[in-house]
Amino acid sequence: MKNDEIESKWKKLPDKVRRWWKKRGEDQRTIANEKREKSIGILQKRYGYTKEKATAELDEYYPKAKLC
C-alpha cells in the first residue's frame, strides 16, 4: 500500500467511526423506547391505568428514563 493510499484511508476513518457510533446510539434509543412502551403497557394492564397515568407514573419514579 502506498503512503498516499494509507493517508486517504486514514482521513476517511473518523467519518466511518462517527457513523458507526451514531448508529449504535440510535439502536440504544430504539431499545429504550421499546422497553418504555412495554412498561407503560404493563402498568395499564396490571393496574388499569390510562396511558397518560402510566406515563406520568414512569416519569415520576424513573425520571432518567425520559428520552425526550
Protein backbone atom coordinates (compact mmCIF):
# COMPACT_ATOMS: atom_id res chain seq x y z
CA MET A 1 0.00 0.00 0.00
CA LYS A 2 1.35 3.40 -0.92
CA ASN A 3 1.60 6.27 1.53
CA ASP A 4 -0.99 8.31 -0.41
CA GLU A 5 -3.43 5.42 -0.20
CA ILE A 6 -2.86 4.98 3.53
CA GLU A 7 -3.26 8.71 4.16
CA SER A 8 -6.50 8.79 2.20
CA LYS A 9 -7.96 5.88 4.16
CA TRP A 10 -6.78 7.39 7.45
CA LYS A 11 -8.64 10.64 6.71
CA LYS A 12 -11.88 8.75 6.00
CA LEU A 13 -11.70 6.75 9.23
CA PRO A 14 -13.17 9.40 11.60
CA ASP A 15 -16.31 9.68 9.44
CA LYS A 16 -16.79 5.92 9.45
CA VAL A 17 -16.29 5.76 13.21
CA ARG A 18 -18.75 8.63 13.84
CA ARG A 19 -21.36 6.96 11.64
CA TRP A 20 -20.82 3.64 13.43
CA TRP A 21 -21.26 5.22 16.90
CA LYS A 22 -24.26 7.27 15.76
CA LYS A 23 -25.95 4.08 14.58
CA ARG A 24 -25.27 2.40 17.93
CA GLY A 25 -26.77 5.37 19.77
CA GLU A 26 -29.89 5.20 17.62
CA ASP A 27 -30.18 1.47 18.33
CA GLN A 28 -29.97 2.09 22.08
CA ARG A 29 -32.64 4.79 21.95
CA THR A 30 -34.90 2.43 19.99
CA ILE A 31 -34.43 -0.31 22.58
CA ALA A 32 -35.06 2.12 25.44
CA ASN A 33 -38.23 3.43 23.77
CA GLU A 34 -39.49 -0.11 23.23
CA LYS A 35 -38.85 -1.00 26.88
CA ARG A 36 -40.57 2.19 27.99
CA GLU A 37 -43.63 1.42 25.87
CA LYS A 38 -43.68 -2.15 27.20
CA SER A 39 -43.52 -0.82 30.78
CA ILE A 40 -46.42 1.55 30.09
CA GLY A 41 -48.42 -1.35 28.69
CA ILE A 42 -47.71 -3.46 31.78
CA LEU A 43 -48.90 -0.68 34.10
CA GLN A 44 -52.04 -0.25 32.03
CA LYS A 45 -52.84 -3.96 32.03
CA ARG A 46 -51.87 -4.75 35.61
CA TYR A 47 -53.34 -1.68 37.33
CA GLY A 48 -55.93 -0.48 34.84
CA TYR A 49 -54.11 2.83 34.32
CA THR A 50 -54.75 5.03 31.33
CA LYS A 51 -51.77 5.56 29.08
CA GLU A 52 -51.39 9.08 30.46
CA LYS A 53 -51.39 7.88 34.08
CA ALA A 54 -48.92 5.09 33.33
CA THR A 55 -46.63 7.55 31.56
CA ALA A 56 -46.86 10.01 34.44
CA GLU A 57 -46.09 7.21 36.90
CA LEU A 58 -42.96 6.24 34.98
CA ASP A 59 -41.89 9.87 34.66
CA GLU A 60 -42.32 10.43 38.39
CA TYR A 61 -40.44 7.38 39.60
CA TYR A 62 -37.96 6.96 36.77
CA PRO A 63 -37.20 10.48 35.51
CA LYS A 64 -33.93 9.35 33.94
CA ALA A 65 -35.89 7.00 31.70
CA LYS A 66 -37.31 10.02 29.84
CA LEU A 67 -35.76 10.12 26.41
CA CYS A 68 -37.13 13.37 25.04
